[in-house]
Every structure is written in C-alpha cells, then in structure tokens.
C-alpha cells in the first residue's frame, strides 16, 4: 500500500492513523505520513509531540501512552 496514495488523502487524520496502524505500519511511519500531509499546521515541537502521543494512544489503545518524534523531525 502506498502511504501517500491520492485516494487516501481525503481521510480525516484520525481515520488515516487508524487505517495505517491496522495495516501494520509502525508509529514512526504513521507519524511521517501524517506530518507530510500536515506540515504547514504542525510547526512546534509541542505540536509534533502531541501528534506522536495521539498516534501512540491510537496504537496502544492506552490514553496514557506517550509517543516519540522520529529523528530529524524533533526541532
């Protein structure tokens, strides 16, 4: 499955995260995919951490899960 396939770009962020996780993609891959689509609205490290945490919560089904920002995207 091509992550940035045109037909997948119309999904909501939450739906896309769930679809990618269910398809077996790792949290880092999901983060990079979502970040590539939302880079203009995700500017600060806090916003990146919030996205990483949300992906971890969805992946682990644990509201206390904490994610990590992939290397190279921390700042």
C-alpha atoms as a PDB file:
ATOM      1  CA  UNK A   1       0.000   0.000   0.000  1.00  0.00           C
ATOM      2  CA  UNK A   2       1.385   3.373  -0.973  1.00  0.00           C
ATOM      3  CA  UNK A   3       1.015   5.639   2.056  1.00  0.00           C
ATOM      4  CA  UNK A   4       0.526   8.903   0.200  1.00  0.00           C
ATOM      5  CA  UNK A   5      -1.752   7.432  -2.473  1.00  0.00           C
ATOM      6  CA  UNK A   6      -4.158  10.029  -3.838  1.00  0.00           C
ATOM      7  CA  UNK A   7      -7.238   8.078  -2.733  1.00  0.00           C
ATOM      8  CA  UNK A   8      -6.029   8.092   0.894  1.00  0.00           C
ATOM      9  CA  UNK A   9      -5.512  11.849   1.181  1.00  0.00           C
ATOM     10  CA  UNK A  10      -9.204  12.645   1.699  1.00  0.00           C
ATOM     11  CA  UNK A  11      -9.480  10.785   5.019  1.00  0.00           C
ATOM     12  CA  UNK A  12      -9.634  12.530   8.366  1.00  0.00           C
ATOM     13  CA  UNK A  13      -6.365  12.428  10.301  1.00  0.00           C
ATOM     14  CA  UNK A  14      -7.832  10.107  12.954  1.00  0.00           C
ATOM     15  CA  UNK A  15      -9.237   7.697  10.371  1.00  0.00           C
ATOM     16  CA  UNK A  16      -5.963   7.686   8.460  1.00  0.00           C
ATOM     17  CA  UNK A  17      -3.939   6.951  11.607  1.00  0.00           C
ATOM     18  CA  UNK A  18      -6.195   4.017  12.492  1.00  0.00           C
ATOM     19  CA  UNK A  19      -6.108   2.678   8.909  1.00  0.00           C
ATOM     20  CA  UNK A  20      -2.308   2.846   8.744  1.00  0.00           C
ATOM     21  CA  UNK A  21      -1.860   1.200  12.145  1.00  0.00           C
ATOM     22  CA  UNK A  22      -4.328  -1.555  11.258  1.00  0.00           C
ATOM     23  CA  UNK A  23      -2.415  -2.104   8.002  1.00  0.00           C
ATOM     24  CA  UNK A  24       0.657  -2.904  10.107  1.00  0.00           C
ATOM     25  CA  UNK A  25       2.650   0.318   9.796  1.00  0.00           C
ATOM     26  CA  UNK A  26       4.883   1.340  12.695  1.00  0.00           C
ATOM     27  CA  UNK A  27       4.217   4.513  14.673  1.00  0.00           C
ATOM     28  CA  UNK A  28       7.227   6.270  13.108  1.00  0.00           C
ATOM     29  CA  UNK A  29       5.944   5.565   9.589  1.00  0.00           C
ATOM     30  CA  UNK A  30       2.481   6.808  10.523  1.00  0.00           C
ATOM     31  CA  UNK A  31       3.946   9.984  12.052  1.00  0.00           C
ATOM     32  CA  UNK A  32       5.969  10.741   8.922  1.00  0.00           C
ATOM     33  CA  UNK A  33       2.942  10.134   6.690  1.00  0.00           C
ATOM     34  CA  UNK A  34       0.663  12.419   8.703  1.00  0.00           C
ATOM     35  CA  UNK A  35       3.399  15.036   9.101  1.00  0.00           C
ATOM     36  CA  UNK A  36       3.982  15.078   5.330  1.00  0.00           C
ATOM     37  CA  UNK A  37       0.309  15.945   4.837  1.00  0.00           C
ATOM     38  CA  UNK A  38       0.000  18.409   7.734  1.00  0.00           C
ATOM     39  CA  UNK A  39       3.455  20.030   7.857  1.00  0.00           C
ATOM     40  CA  UNK A  40       2.032  23.514   7.425  1.00  0.00           C
ATOM     41  CA  UNK A  41      -0.143  23.164  10.527  1.00  0.00           C
ATOM     42  CA  UNK A  42       2.391  21.263  12.672  1.00  0.00           C
ATOM     43  CA  UNK A  43       5.121  23.765  13.410  1.00  0.00           C
ATOM     44  CA  UNK A  44       6.290  23.493  17.014  1.00  0.00           C
ATOM     45  CA  UNK A  45       7.928  20.656  18.898  1.00  0.00           C
ATOM     46  CA  UNK A  46       4.897  20.587  21.222  1.00  0.00           C
ATOM     47  CA  UNK A  47       2.576  20.060  18.239  1.00  0.00           C
ATOM     48  CA  UNK A  48       4.830  17.277  16.930  1.00  0.00           C
ATOM     49  CA  UNK A  49       4.863  15.635  20.368  1.00  0.00           C
ATOM     50  CA  UNK A  50       1.087  15.914  20.556  1.00  0.00           C
ATOM     51  CA  UNK A  51       0.788  14.111  17.196  1.00  0.00           C
ATOM     52  CA  UNK A  52       3.264  11.420  18.306  1.00  0.00           C
ATOM     53  CA  UNK A  53       1.324  10.934  21.553  1.00  0.00           C
ATOM     54  CA  UNK A  54      -2.005  10.705  19.701  1.00  0.00           C
ATOM     55  CA  UNK A  55      -0.597   8.042  17.369  1.00  0.00           C
ATOM     56  CA  UNK A  56       0.745   6.091  20.382  1.00  0.00           C
ATOM     57  CA  UNK A  57      -2.646   6.316  22.112  1.00  0.00           C
ATOM     58  CA  UNK A  58      -4.397   5.002  18.998  1.00  0.00           C
ATOM     59  CA  UNK A  59      -1.826   2.234  18.510  1.00  0.00           C
ATOM     60  CA  UNK A  60      -1.772   1.009  22.099  1.00  0.00           C
ATOM     61  CA  UNK A  61      -5.378   1.879  22.986  1.00  0.00           C
ATOM     62  CA  UNK A  62      -3.949   3.444  26.135  1.00  0.00           C
ATOM     63  CA  UNK A  63      -4.871   7.039  26.935  1.00  0.00           C
ATOM     64  CA  UNK A  64      -1.636   7.435  28.903  1.00  0.00           C
ATOM     65  CA  UNK A  65       0.633   6.337  26.031  1.00  0.00           C
ATOM     66  CA  UNK A  66       3.465   8.685  25.082  1.00  0.00           C
ATOM     67  CA  UNK A  67       4.900   8.667  21.565  1.00  0.00           C
ATOM     68  CA  UNK A  68       8.249   9.731  20.185  1.00  0.00           C
ATOM     69  CA  UNK A  69       9.006  12.129  17.365  1.00  0.00           C
ATOM     70  CA  UNK A  70      11.066  10.448  14.620  1.00  0.00           C
ATOM     71  CA  UNK A  71      14.711  11.501  14.310  1.00  0.00           C
ATOM     72  CA  UNK A  72      15.235  14.503  12.105  1.00  0.00           C
ATOM     73  CA  UNK A  73      11.826  15.966  12.912  1.00  0.00           C
ATOM     74  CA  UNK A  74      12.405  16.831  16.577  1.00  0.00           C
ATOM     75  CA  UNK A  75      13.062  20.548  16.210  1.00  0.00           C
END
